[in-house]
């Protein structure tokens, strides 16, 4: 299993946004939407061994946590607008605990700490950080979780919470990449090493 946890520091937590203005009106939810596409889409199929958790931490009601499970997901298309519509529908859901909004898409109010604490102990956690060890020198297990920010680094408080789980810090190379490119590079590296 490959898991990605992406923190959207300003991503809107209300369904009150227009699909025509994803960059301007959603607190950069567009970055998280691109991460979803990078996590799942291959040339002619969807990765079924991937799960992505989007932490929406912006106004008005943070946190909202969207979890997408590739083994179950349906109706996911490789364009930001249709993915945004699925996220907007998830944000409309009321209730307690984690709720299924559509096949493979779940919403909850779980905190960042809750998300990390619910990841299997069998999963090796990685913190994508520019000053980490080169990803090409890493030996991966079969169950891996990668934690990263959006267009902002993790805050000191978020980093402190993550460090309690003893993640390995890894770098994707000598330059900074967009968040969705980081997801693509991680997938590529695991593909090359034949890690599920």
Protein backbone atom coordinates (compact mmCIF):
# COMPACT_ATOMS: atom_id res chain seq x y z
CA UNK A 1 0.00 0.00 0.00
CA UNK A 2 1.14 3.52 -0.78
CA UNK A 3 -0.33 6.32 1.28
CA UNK A 4 0.04 10.04 0.85
CA UNK A 5 -0.98 12.55 3.51
CA UNK A 6 -1.08 16.10 2.14
CA UNK A 7 -1.74 19.11 4.36
CA UNK A 8 -3.68 21.88 2.66
CA UNK A 9 -2.97 24.76 5.01
CA UNK A 10 -5.46 27.18 3.43
CA UNK A 11 -7.74 24.71 1.62
CA UNK A 12 -11.38 25.65 2.06
CA UNK A 13 -13.45 23.51 4.44
CA UNK A 14 -16.82 24.57 3.05
CA UNK A 15 -18.61 23.34 -0.07
CA UNK A 16 -19.33 26.97 -0.92
CA UNK A 17 -16.94 27.42 -3.83
CA UNK A 18 -17.20 27.71 -7.59
CA UNK A 19 -15.77 25.05 -9.84
CA UNK A 20 -14.79 27.81 -12.29
CA UNK A 21 -12.37 29.45 -9.83
CA UNK A 22 -10.44 26.68 -8.10
CA UNK A 23 -7.20 28.65 -7.82
CA UNK A 24 -8.70 31.84 -6.45
CA UNK A 25 -11.63 30.89 -4.24
CA UNK A 26 -10.60 27.63 -2.58
CA UNK A 27 -7.48 28.46 -0.57
CA UNK A 28 -5.33 26.54 -3.06
CA UNK A 29 -7.45 23.40 -3.00
CA UNK A 30 -6.27 23.13 -6.62
CA UNK A 31 -2.86 21.97 -5.35
CA UNK A 32 -4.49 19.08 -3.48
CA UNK A 33 -6.59 18.19 -6.53
CA UNK A 34 -3.44 17.89 -8.62
CA UNK A 35 -1.96 15.64 -5.91
CA UNK A 36 -5.00 13.36 -6.25
CA UNK A 37 -4.44 13.09 -9.99
CA UNK A 38 -0.72 12.39 -9.53
CA UNK A 39 -1.44 9.75 -6.91
CA UNK A 40 -3.89 7.70 -8.95
CA UNK A 41 -3.73 8.18 -12.70
CA UNK A 42 -1.69 6.09 -15.09
CA UNK A 43 -1.88 6.32 -18.86
CA UNK A 44 -4.92 4.06 -19.18
CA UNK A 45 -5.85 3.07 -15.65
CA UNK A 46 -6.00 3.99 -11.97
CA UNK A 47 -3.59 2.84 -9.29
CA UNK A 48 -5.60 0.58 -6.98
CA UNK A 49 -2.85 0.22 -4.34
CA UNK A 50 -2.82 3.92 -3.38
CA UNK A 51 -4.64 5.92 -0.72
CA UNK A 52 -4.44 9.68 -0.32
CA UNK A 53 -5.60 11.72 2.65
CA UNK A 54 -6.15 15.43 2.13
CA UNK A 55 -6.10 17.55 5.27
CA UNK A 56 -8.18 20.68 4.55
CA UNK A 57 -7.14 23.20 7.19
CA UNK A 58 -8.56 26.48 5.89
CA UNK A 59 -11.67 28.44 6.79
CA UNK A 60 -14.43 28.20 7.88
CA UNK A 61 -14.52 24.85 9.76
CA UNK A 62 -11.14 23.10 9.93
CA UNK A 63 -10.18 20.38 9.89
CA UNK A 64 -11.94 18.46 7.14
CA UNK A 65 -10.26 15.24 6.11
CA UNK A 66 -10.89 13.66 2.73
CA UNK A 67 -9.61 10.10 2.24
CA UNK A 68 -9.61 8.51 -1.21
CA UNK A 69 -9.03 4.77 -1.46
CA UNK A 70 -7.86 3.61 -4.88
CA UNK A 71 -9.12 0.06 -4.34
CA UNK A 72 -12.71 1.35 -4.14
CA UNK A 73 -12.82 4.68 -5.95
CA UNK A 74 -15.18 5.26 -8.88
CA UNK A 75 -16.12 8.36 -10.86
CA UNK A 76 -12.59 9.81 -10.57
CA UNK A 77 -11.52 11.55 -13.77
CA UNK A 78 -8.16 13.15 -14.58
CA UNK A 79 -9.32 16.75 -14.53
CA UNK A 80 -9.29 19.09 -11.56
CA UNK A 81 -12.85 20.28 -12.02
CA UNK A 82 -14.49 16.85 -11.72
CA UNK A 83 -12.27 15.95 -8.76
CA UNK A 84 -13.23 19.27 -7.15
CA UNK A 85 -16.91 18.36 -7.63
CA UNK A 86 -16.33 15.08 -5.75
CA UNK A 87 -14.56 16.97 -2.94
CA UNK A 88 -17.34 19.56 -2.81
CA UNK A 89 -19.94 16.79 -2.53
CA UNK A 90 -17.91 15.26 0.31
CA UNK A 91 -17.83 18.61 2.12
CA UNK A 92 -21.64 18.76 1.98
CA UNK A 93 -21.95 15.56 4.01
CA UNK A 94 -23.16 15.93 7.58
CA UNK A 95 -22.70 13.48 10.41
CA UNK A 96 -20.12 12.10 12.78
CA UNK A 97 -17.08 9.93 12.22
CA UNK A 98 -15.81 9.02 8.80
CA UNK A 99 -18.60 9.03 6.20
CA UNK A 100 -18.60 7.46 2.74
CA UNK A 101 -19.60 10.11 0.20
CA UNK A 102 -19.18 8.10 -2.98
CA UNK A 103 -17.33 4.88 -3.78
CA UNK A 104 -13.84 5.19 -2.32
CA UNK A 105 -14.24 8.76 -1.03
CA UNK A 106 -14.66 9.45 2.68
CA UNK A 107 -14.94 12.63 4.73
CA UNK A 108 -14.43 13.25 8.44
CA UNK A 109 -13.33 15.88 10.91
CA UNK A 110 -10.29 13.85 12.00
CA UNK A 111 -7.35 15.94 13.11
CA UNK A 112 -3.85 15.62 11.70
CA UNK A 113 -2.83 13.74 14.86
CA UNK A 114 -5.80 11.37 14.45
CA UNK A 115 -4.90 10.70 10.83
CA UNK A 116 -1.30 9.82 11.71
CA UNK A 117 -2.28 7.70 14.70
CA UNK A 118 -4.69 5.63 12.57
CA UNK A 119 -2.04 4.63 10.04
CA UNK A 120 -1.04 1.00 10.38
CA UNK A 121 2.00 0.32 12.55
CA UNK A 122 3.20 -1.87 9.66
CA UNK A 123 3.54 1.22 7.46
CA UNK A 124 6.90 2.96 7.28
CA UNK A 125 6.34 6.70 7.51
CA UNK A 126 8.35 9.18 5.42
CA UNK A 127 8.56 12.94 5.69
CA UNK A 128 9.23 14.58 2.34
CA UNK A 129 11.74 17.25 3.25
CA UNK A 130 14.38 18.93 1.13
CA UNK A 131 17.16 18.25 3.65
CA UNK A 132 16.33 14.53 3.93
CA UNK A 133 18.21 11.51 2.62
CA UNK A 134 18.08 10.95 -1.13
CA UNK A 135 15.04 8.82 -2.00
CA UNK A 136 17.22 6.72 -4.30
CA UNK A 137 19.23 5.51 -1.31
CA UNK A 138 16.14 4.31 0.59
CA UNK A 139 15.09 0.73 1.12
CA UNK A 140 11.31 0.67 1.09
CA UNK A 141 8.97 -1.84 2.69
CA UNK A 142 5.68 -2.94 1.10
CA UNK A 143 3.56 -0.47 3.13
CA UNK A 144 4.71 3.16 2.93
CA UNK A 145 3.19 6.49 4.02
CA UNK A 146 4.49 9.82 2.71
CA UNK A 147 3.63 13.07 4.53
CA UNK A 148 4.01 16.49 2.93
CA UNK A 149 2.71 20.03 2.80
CA UNK A 150 1.00 21.80 -0.07
CA UNK A 151 2.79 24.93 -1.29
CA UNK A 152 3.82 25.59 2.31
CA UNK A 153 6.10 23.54 4.54
CA UNK A 154 4.70 21.86 7.60
CA UNK A 155 4.48 24.27 10.53
CA UNK A 156 6.82 23.63 13.48
CA UNK A 157 3.82 22.24 15.40
CA UNK A 158 2.84 19.90 12.55
CA UNK A 159 6.44 18.77 12.20
CA UNK A 160 6.66 18.09 15.93
CA UNK A 161 3.54 15.90 15.80
CA UNK A 162 4.93 13.99 12.81
CA UNK A 163 8.31 13.42 14.46
CA UNK A 164 6.54 11.48 17.25
CA UNK A 165 5.99 8.75 14.63
CA UNK A 166 9.71 8.53 13.82
CA UNK A 167 9.42 9.13 10.08
CA UNK A 168 12.41 8.85 7.79
CA UNK A 169 13.17 12.21 6.19
CA UNK A 170 13.66 11.85 2.47
CA UNK A 171 14.44 14.26 -0.34
CA UNK A 172 13.40 13.92 -3.97
CA UNK A 173 16.38 15.75 -5.38
CA UNK A 174 18.41 18.93 -5.36
CA UNK A 175 15.56 21.35 -6.19
CA UNK A 176 12.08 22.10 -4.81
CA UNK A 177 9.13 20.61 -6.68
CA UNK A 178 5.41 21.28 -6.68
CA UNK A 179 3.48 19.02 -4.33
CA UNK A 180 1.82 17.06 -7.15
CA UNK A 181 5.20 16.52 -8.81
CA UNK A 182 6.49 15.12 -5.52
CA UNK A 183 3.69 12.54 -5.57
CA UNK A 184 4.59 11.62 -9.16
CA UNK A 185 8.28 11.26 -8.30
CA UNK A 186 7.53 9.05 -5.28
CA UNK A 187 5.26 6.84 -7.38
CA UNK A 188 7.94 6.60 -10.06
CA UNK A 189 10.62 5.63 -7.57
CA UNK A 190 8.44 2.93 -6.01
CA UNK A 191 7.46 1.68 -9.47
CA UNK A 192 11.12 1.37 -10.42
CA UNK A 193 11.78 -0.62 -7.26
CA UNK A 194 8.65 -2.71 -7.83
CA UNK A 195 7.16 -1.71 -4.47
CA UNK A 196 3.37 -1.84 -4.29
